[in-house]
Amino acid sequence: MSLYETGKNSLEELEFFESFNITVVIPAYNEERKIEGVIRSIPFYISHIVIVDDASTDQTGDVLEKMVIEDPRISLIRHKKNQGVGGATISGFYKALQLGAQVVVKIDGDGQMPLEYLPQLLWPLIYGEADYTKGNRFHDFKALRQMGIVRRFGNLALSFLAKIATGYWDCFDPTNGFFAIRGEVLSQLPLDKIDKSYFFEHSILGYLYLSRALIRDIPIPAQYGDEISHLSISRELFSFPPRLIATLVKRLIFKNFLYDFSMESIYLMIGLPLFLSGVIYGGYNWLYYSFKGVGAPTGTVVVSALLLILGFQIILSAVEMDLRSTPCKPRGKGPLKSDNKVKNEDTPKSHTLKEVAESEIVTAGR
């Protein structure tokens, strides 16, 4: 029986992870109270820790400078201008790929992510059973009750909309920032095109679908404390739906008309025009006869209803085919091979604050 099949996180299992190049990426913005604890909680088997200080206005940078000296695994990147959580994470991804990461894990700097569950994210990737693993907070009802009602409802609504937009119908909790990805899959994503705002997680899911990557949800409870969220609910409430629609349109066009052509493509070509024609024709006549104060002719009503019903039924057929075309095979080339490179502990650990201020992006450490 393999270590993975035992389902236990024994010391033997954790030491097994040391044979792989696993890199943690942490975007940090104004996390002076939390970031040191997060770094100290990162397990010993992690090869590299890439921290991106996204132009923090508090003492986060000073705390990180101290931690770079203490932990030789840390590579510190400092943004001169704030680029958002997505922008900071992407900077970390580029550095992780430079370090030859076989697996890249993304966590936040606010301490919400229980790292004792990290092995559950890593096993499917190491054994080639998935390309991307992510936490799912909605499997734990006890932890779910700790989430605010507005935040809970927002996540549920976004999860449903994200299923439609990204094509990962079996994926839930898309805004969960605790995820891991195989390096070979990450290297094939257009990182420069991924959204840099809080839409980052949805954006990367959209590109993963186009690359036919296999995603696996891992039940992981969230830890909520006194951290301050930088997410504006009111702002994102209006910005997310248009972006989700754009993601959906792009996915359907690439999937059905550029990368492939199937019955789903034909259903969309017929169903959408019929349905939209019914909406436009019926809406126009409803307004026209309403202003005239008379009822619409029976034929007009029947034609409108027929267009709507027929178009809707054909679209449902396309949706059913889309449900069955969710990626089910990993893109990764089988189980990962051990990386036996010797860790270099003599690498310079830090740049001075003066050097940091003089450059746009500074990488310290390895």
Protein backbone atom coordinates (compact mmCIF):
# COMPACT_ATOMS: atom_id res chain seq x y z
CA MET A 1 0.00 0.00 0.00
CA SER A 2 1.41 3.40 -1.00
CA LEU A 3 1.77 6.31 1.36
CA TYR A 4 -1.02 8.07 -0.52
CA GLU A 5 -3.42 5.17 0.03
CA THR A 6 -2.88 5.15 3.79
CA GLY A 7 -4.55 8.56 4.03
CA LYS A 8 -2.29 9.54 6.96
CA ASN A 9 0.18 12.38 7.25
CA SER A 10 2.91 10.50 9.05
CA LEU A 11 6.47 11.73 9.39
CA GLU A 12 7.48 9.22 6.72
CA GLU A 13 5.00 10.81 4.30
CA LEU A 14 6.13 14.34 5.07
CA GLU A 15 9.77 13.40 4.56
CA PHE A 16 8.75 11.87 1.23
CA PHE A 17 7.71 15.36 0.04
CA GLU A 18 11.30 16.56 0.53
CA SER A 19 12.33 14.66 -2.59
CA PHE A 20 10.27 17.02 -4.76
CA ASN A 21 10.70 20.68 -5.61
CA ILE A 22 7.58 22.11 -3.97
CA THR A 23 7.37 25.90 -3.93
CA VAL A 24 4.94 28.02 -1.92
CA VAL A 25 3.87 31.41 -3.29
CA ILE A 26 2.48 33.98 -0.85
CA PRO A 27 1.05 37.33 -2.04
CA ALA A 28 1.14 39.76 0.88
CA TYR A 29 -0.41 43.19 1.29
CA ASN A 30 -0.44 44.91 4.68
CA GLU A 31 -0.04 41.67 6.62
CA GLU A 32 2.49 42.82 9.23
CA ARG A 33 0.58 41.10 12.06
CA LYS A 34 0.05 37.76 10.33
CA ILE A 35 2.80 37.12 7.80
CA GLU A 36 5.53 36.02 10.23
CA GLY A 37 3.27 33.36 11.75
CA VAL A 38 2.28 32.13 8.29
CA ILE A 39 5.93 31.77 7.23
CA ARG A 40 6.90 29.95 10.42
CA SER A 41 4.02 27.51 9.91
CA ILE A 42 5.21 26.43 6.45
CA PRO A 43 6.35 22.77 6.67
CA PHE A 44 9.99 21.75 6.47
CA TYR A 45 9.49 19.76 3.26
CA ILE A 46 8.79 22.91 1.20
CA SER A 47 11.84 23.65 -0.98
CA HIS A 48 11.21 27.34 -1.72
CA ILE A 49 9.01 30.10 -0.33
CA VAL A 50 8.32 32.96 -2.73
CA ILE A 51 6.78 35.97 -0.98
CA VAL A 52 5.50 38.95 -2.95
CA ASP A 53 5.14 42.18 -0.97
CA ASP A 54 2.55 43.97 -3.08
CA ALA A 55 3.57 47.53 -2.16
CA SER A 56 2.40 47.26 1.44
CA THR A 57 1.95 50.53 3.29
CA ASP A 58 2.55 49.09 6.77
CA GLN A 59 5.59 47.28 8.20
CA THR A 60 5.10 44.08 6.16
CA GLY A 61 8.30 44.76 4.21
CA ASP A 62 10.39 45.10 7.37
CA VAL A 63 9.00 41.86 8.79
CA LEU A 64 9.79 40.05 5.53
CA GLU A 65 13.34 41.41 5.43
CA LYS A 66 13.91 39.86 8.85
CA MET A 67 12.36 36.55 7.80
CA VAL A 68 14.54 36.36 4.66
CA ILE A 69 17.62 36.36 6.89
CA GLU A 70 16.20 33.64 9.14
CA ASP A 71 14.89 31.26 6.47
CA PRO A 72 17.15 30.55 3.44
CA ARG A 73 14.23 29.09 1.53
CA ILE A 74 12.64 32.52 1.10
CA SER A 75 12.77 34.55 -2.10
CA LEU A 76 11.34 38.01 -1.57
CA ILE A 77 9.80 40.05 -4.37
CA ARG A 78 8.72 43.62 -3.66
CA HIS A 79 6.37 45.53 -5.93
CA LYS A 80 6.86 49.27 -6.09
CA LYS A 81 3.21 49.67 -7.14
CA ASN A 82 0.29 47.62 -5.93
CA GLN A 83 -0.77 45.10 -8.59
CA GLY A 84 -3.58 43.31 -6.78
CA VAL A 85 -3.68 39.78 -5.42
CA GLY A 86 -3.61 38.30 -8.92
CA GLY A 87 -0.69 40.44 -10.03
CA ALA A 88 1.29 39.56 -6.91
CA THR A 89 0.56 35.85 -7.33
CA ILE A 90 1.58 35.91 -10.98
CA SER A 91 4.91 37.52 -10.05
CA GLY A 92 5.37 34.67 -7.59
CA PHE A 93 4.49 32.12 -10.26
CA TYR A 94 7.17 33.46 -12.59
CA LYS A 95 9.76 33.15 -9.82
CA ALA A 96 8.57 29.66 -8.88
CA LEU A 97 9.00 28.50 -12.47
CA GLN A 98 12.50 29.99 -12.52
CA LEU A 99 13.26 27.91 -9.43
CA GLY A 100 12.18 24.78 -11.32
CA ALA A 101 9.16 24.09 -9.14
CA GLN A 102 7.47 20.75 -9.79
CA VAL A 103 4.48 21.80 -7.71
CA VAL A 104 3.46 25.38 -6.90
CA VAL A 105 1.24 26.02 -3.89
CA LYS A 106 -0.50 29.36 -3.40
CA ILE A 107 -1.53 30.51 0.07
CA ASP A 108 -2.48 33.90 1.45
CA GLY A 109 -0.59 35.89 4.04
CA ASP A 110 -3.51 36.31 6.44
CA GLY A 111 -3.31 32.93 8.14
CA GLN A 112 -6.72 31.70 7.00
CA MET A 113 -5.40 28.54 5.36
CA PRO A 114 -4.75 25.47 7.54
CA LEU A 115 -1.42 24.15 6.30
CA GLU A 116 -1.94 20.82 8.03
CA TYR A 117 -4.15 20.03 5.02
CA LEU A 118 -1.37 20.81 2.54
CA PRO A 119 -0.48 17.12 1.96
CA GLN A 120 -4.06 16.51 0.75
CA LEU A 121 -3.45 19.07 -1.98
CA LEU A 122 -0.08 17.57 -2.90
CA TRP A 123 -0.81 13.84 -3.17
CA PRO A 124 -3.03 13.96 -6.31
CA LEU A 125 -0.47 16.16 -8.08
CA ILE A 126 2.54 14.06 -7.17
CA TYR A 127 0.81 10.83 -8.20
CA GLY A 128 -0.41 12.32 -11.48
CA GLU A 129 -4.10 12.09 -10.60
CA ALA A 130 -4.79 15.80 -11.09
CA ASP A 131 -3.22 18.92 -12.57
CA TYR A 132 -4.69 21.42 -10.12
CA THR A 133 -6.05 20.91 -6.61
CA LYS A 134 -7.93 23.47 -4.57
CA GLY A 135 -9.58 23.78 -1.21
CA ASN A 136 -13.35 23.57 -0.83
CA ARG A 137 -14.70 25.16 2.35
CA PHE A 138 -18.30 24.13 1.70
CA HIS A 139 -17.74 20.51 2.74
CA ASP A 140 -17.35 21.59 6.37
CA PHE A 141 -20.65 22.95 7.71
CA LYS A 142 -19.10 23.79 11.08
CA ALA A 143 -16.47 25.99 9.48
CA LEU A 144 -19.07 27.36 7.07
CA ARG A 145 -21.06 28.79 9.98
CA GLN A 146 -18.05 30.92 10.90
CA MET A 147 -18.29 32.64 7.53
CA GLY A 148 -20.41 35.80 7.46
CA ILE A 149 -23.88 35.47 5.93
CA VAL A 150 -23.14 37.97 3.15
CA ARG A 151 -19.81 36.31 2.39
CA ARG A 152 -21.40 32.86 2.48
CA PHE A 153 -24.22 33.82 0.12
CA GLY A 154 -21.79 35.61 -2.19
CA ASN A 155 -19.52 32.59 -2.40
CA LEU A 156 -22.43 30.25 -3.11
CA ALA A 157 -23.75 32.50 -5.88
CA LEU A 158 -20.29 32.98 -7.39
CA SER A 159 -19.65 29.24 -7.25
CA PHE A 160 -22.73 28.52 -9.35
CA LEU A 161 -21.95 31.26 -11.85
CA ALA A 162 -18.32 30.14 -12.03
CA LYS A 163 -19.42 26.59 -12.90
CA ILE A 164 -21.22 27.96 -15.94
CA ALA A 165 -18.47 30.36 -16.95
CA THR A 166 -15.43 28.10 -16.49
CA GLY A 167 -16.95 24.75 -17.51
CA TYR A 168 -15.82 23.02 -14.31
CA TRP A 169 -19.29 21.89 -13.28
CA ASP A 170 -17.97 19.62 -10.53
CA CYS A 171 -15.85 22.38 -9.00
CA PHE A 172 -17.10 24.42 -6.04
CA ASP A 173 -15.83 27.37 -4.00
CA PRO A 174 -13.85 28.95 -6.89
CA THR A 175 -12.77 31.95 -4.80
CA ASN A 176 -10.76 29.71 -2.48
CA GLY A 177 -7.17 30.90 -2.75
CA PHE A 178 -5.65 27.75 -1.22
CA PHE A 179 -4.61 25.75 -4.26
CA ALA A 180 -1.72 23.85 -5.84
CA ILE A 181 -0.75 23.26 -9.47
CA ARG A 182 1.82 21.14 -11.25
CA GLY A 183 4.69 23.21 -12.60
CA GLU A 184 4.45 21.74 -16.10
CA VAL A 185 0.79 22.81 -16.33
CA LEU A 186 1.45 26.25 -14.87
CA SER A 187 4.23 26.87 -17.39
CA GLN A 188 1.75 26.37 -20.25
CA LEU A 189 -0.75 28.96 -19.01
CA PRO A 190 -0.69 32.52 -20.45
CA LEU A 191 0.22 34.13 -17.14
CA ASP A 192 0.34 37.62 -18.68
CA LYS A 193 -3.36 37.33 -19.61
CA ILE A 194 -4.67 36.14 -16.24
CA ASP A 195 -6.71 38.76 -14.35
CA LYS A 196 -4.71 40.58 -11.67
CA SER A 197 -7.63 41.54 -9.41
CA TYR A 198 -9.76 39.45 -7.04
CA PHE A 199 -11.14 37.75 -10.17
CA PHE A 200 -7.79 35.96 -10.36
CA GLU A 201 -9.03 32.53 -9.21
CA HIS A 202 -11.90 32.53 -11.72
CA SER A 203 -9.60 33.70 -14.49
CA ILE A 204 -7.07 30.93 -13.94
CA LEU A 205 -9.87 28.34 -13.92
CA GLY A 206 -11.00 29.62 -17.31
CA TYR A 207 -7.53 29.18 -18.80
CA LEU A 208 -7.11 25.79 -17.13
CA TYR A 209 -10.28 24.60 -18.86
CA LEU A 210 -9.00 25.71 -22.25
CA SER A 211 -5.85 23.68 -21.59
CA ARG A 212 -8.06 20.71 -20.55
CA ALA A 213 -6.48 20.47 -17.10
CA LEU A 214 -8.04 18.17 -14.51
CA ILE A 215 -9.11 19.86 -11.27
CA ARG A 216 -9.82 18.15 -7.97
CA ASP A 217 -11.63 19.74 -5.03
CA ILE A 218 -10.18 18.94 -1.59
CA PRO A 219 -12.41 19.45 1.49
CA ILE A 220 -10.48 21.95 3.61
CA PRO A 221 -12.02 24.16 6.32
CA ALA A 222 -11.11 27.84 6.42
CA GLN A 223 -9.75 29.57 9.48
CA TYR A 224 -11.41 32.90 10.25
CA GLY A 225 -9.87 35.22 12.76
CA ASP A 226 -9.51 38.97 13.20
CA GLU A 227 -7.89 39.50 9.79
CA ILE A 228 -9.16 42.37 7.65
CA SER A 229 -10.41 41.47 4.20
CA HIS A 230 -9.26 43.74 1.37
CA LEU A 231 -12.14 42.54 -0.82
CA SER A 232 -14.88 45.10 -1.41
CA ILE A 233 -18.18 43.19 -1.70
CA SER A 234 -20.03 46.10 -3.33
CA ARG A 235 -17.28 46.71 -5.88
CA GLU A 236 -16.84 43.09 -6.86
CA LEU A 237 -20.60 42.49 -6.96
CA PHE A 238 -20.79 44.67 -10.05
CA SER A 239 -17.44 43.73 -11.61
CA PHE A 240 -17.64 39.92 -11.35
CA PRO A 241 -20.77 39.20 -13.50
CA PRO A 242 -19.46 40.97 -16.65
CA ARG A 243 -16.12 39.19 -16.28
CA LEU A 244 -17.84 35.83 -15.80
CA ILE A 245 -19.90 36.45 -18.95
CA ALA A 246 -16.73 37.33 -20.85
CA THR A 247 -15.07 34.14 -19.56
CA LEU A 248 -18.08 32.08 -20.67
CA VAL A 249 -18.20 33.63 -24.15
CA LYS A 250 -14.47 33.15 -24.64
CA ARG A 251 -14.62 29.55 -23.45
CA LEU A 252 -17.51 28.65 -25.74
CA ILE A 253 -15.90 30.27 -28.78
CA PHE A 254 -12.51 28.63 -28.24
CA LYS A 255 -13.95 25.25 -27.30
CA ASN A 256 -16.62 24.94 -29.99
CA PHE A 257 -15.31 26.91 -32.94
CA LEU A 258 -11.51 27.17 -32.70
CA TYR A 259 -10.24 24.07 -30.87
CA ASP A 260 -13.04 21.75 -31.97
CA PHE A 261 -16.39 21.53 -33.75
CA SER A 262 -19.08 19.17 -32.48
CA MET A 263 -22.84 18.78 -32.06
CA GLU A 264 -22.57 21.22 -29.16
CA SER A 265 -21.30 23.80 -31.65
CA ILE A 266 -24.29 23.17 -33.92
CA TYR A 267 -26.72 23.37 -31.01
CA LEU A 268 -25.28 26.75 -30.03
CA MET A 269 -25.36 28.02 -33.60
CA ILE A 270 -29.06 27.15 -33.87
CA GLY A 271 -30.34 27.54 -30.31
CA LEU A 272 -28.91 30.94 -29.43
CA PRO A 273 -30.23 32.74 -32.55
CA LEU A 274 -33.67 31.15 -32.11
CA PHE A 275 -33.88 32.09 -28.45
CA LEU A 276 -32.63 35.66 -29.00
CA SER A 277 -35.02 36.07 -31.93
CA GLY A 278 -37.89 35.03 -29.67
CA VAL A 279 -36.84 37.51 -27.00
CA ILE A 280 -36.45 40.38 -29.47
CA TYR A 281 -39.53 39.59 -31.57
CA GLY A 282 -41.73 38.91 -28.54
CA GLY A 283 -40.45 41.91 -26.60
CA TYR A 284 -40.93 44.27 -29.52
CA ASN A 285 -44.49 43.13 -30.18
CA TRP A 286 -45.37 43.17 -26.48
CA LEU A 287 -44.29 46.81 -26.24
CA TYR A 288 -45.93 47.72 -29.57
CA TYR A 289 -49.34 46.30 -28.73
CA SER A 290 -49.15 47.49 -25.11
CA PHE A 291 -48.77 51.10 -26.28
CA LYS A 292 -51.67 50.61 -28.68
CA GLY A 293 -53.79 49.23 -25.85
CA VAL A 294 -54.81 46.07 -27.71
CA GLY A 295 -53.91 42.43 -27.40
CA ALA A 296 -51.31 40.92 -29.67
CA PRO A 297 -52.61 38.62 -32.44
CA THR A 298 -52.58 34.92 -31.64
CA GLY A 299 -50.11 34.20 -34.43
CA THR A 300 -47.63 36.73 -33.06
CA VAL A 301 -47.81 35.20 -29.59
CA VAL A 302 -47.45 31.67 -30.94
CA VAL A 303 -44.41 32.56 -33.09
CA SER A 304 -42.70 34.27 -30.13
CA ALA A 305 -43.40 31.34 -27.81
CA LEU A 306 -42.28 28.81 -30.40
CA LEU A 307 -38.97 30.60 -30.95
CA LEU A 308 -38.34 30.84 -27.21
CA ILE A 309 -39.24 27.23 -26.41
CA LEU A 310 -37.41 25.70 -29.34
CA GLY A 311 -34.32 27.84 -28.78
CA PHE A 312 -34.30 27.08 -25.06
CA GLN A 313 -34.60 23.32 -25.63
CA ILE A 314 -31.70 23.32 -28.08
CA ILE A 315 -29.57 25.38 -25.68
CA LEU A 316 -30.36 22.85 -22.93
CA SER A 317 -29.00 20.12 -25.19
CA ALA A 318 -25.79 22.14 -25.58
CA VAL A 319 -25.58 22.57 -21.79
CA GLU A 320 -26.01 18.82 -21.30
CA MET A 321 -23.11 18.17 -23.67
CA ASP A 322 -21.03 20.79 -21.89
CA LEU A 323 -21.70 19.05 -18.57
CA ARG A 324 -20.33 15.80 -19.98
CA SER A 325 -17.23 17.43 -21.45
CA THR A 326 -15.65 18.52 -18.17
CA PRO A 327 -11.93 17.50 -18.28
CA CYS A 328 -11.59 14.04 -16.74
CA LYS A 329 -7.99 13.09 -17.57
CA PRO A 330 -4.91 14.87 -16.18
CA ARG A 331 -2.59 16.61 -18.60
CA GLY A 332 0.43 15.87 -16.46
CA LYS A 333 2.77 13.14 -17.66
CA GLY A 334 2.21 10.64 -14.90
CA PRO A 335 3.63 10.71 -11.36
CA LEU A 336 6.33 13.26 -10.61
CA LYS A 337 9.93 12.14 -10.40
CA SER A 338 12.01 13.03 -7.39
CA ASP A 339 14.12 16.15 -7.68
CA ASN A 340 17.47 15.25 -6.12
CA LYS A 341 19.05 18.67 -6.46
CA VAL A 342 21.01 19.69 -3.39
CA LYS A 343 19.57 22.71 -1.59
CA ASN A 344 21.96 25.59 -1.66
CA GLU A 345 21.98 27.31 1.71
CA ASP A 346 24.78 29.68 0.78
CA THR A 347 22.62 31.78 -1.54
CA PRO A 348 22.49 35.48 -0.59
CA LYS A 349 19.41 36.01 1.53
CA SER A 350 18.48 39.66 1.27
CA HIS A 351 18.83 43.00 -0.41
CA THR A 352 18.94 46.17 1.63
CA LEU A 353 15.89 48.39 1.89
CA LYS A 354 17.75 51.02 -0.12
CA GLU A 355 18.26 48.58 -2.99
CA VAL A 356 14.58 47.63 -2.81
CA ALA A 357 13.46 51.24 -3.08
CA GLU A 358 15.65 51.85 -6.14
CA SER A 359 14.12 49.09 -8.27
CA GLU A 360 10.64 48.27 -9.57
CA ILE A 361 10.77 44.62 -8.55
CA VAL A 362 13.55 43.17 -6.40
CA THR A 363 14.08 39.49 -5.78
CA ALA A 364 15.95 38.64 -2.60
CA GLY A 365 17.32 35.30 -1.59
CA ARG A 366 17.18 32.44 -4.08
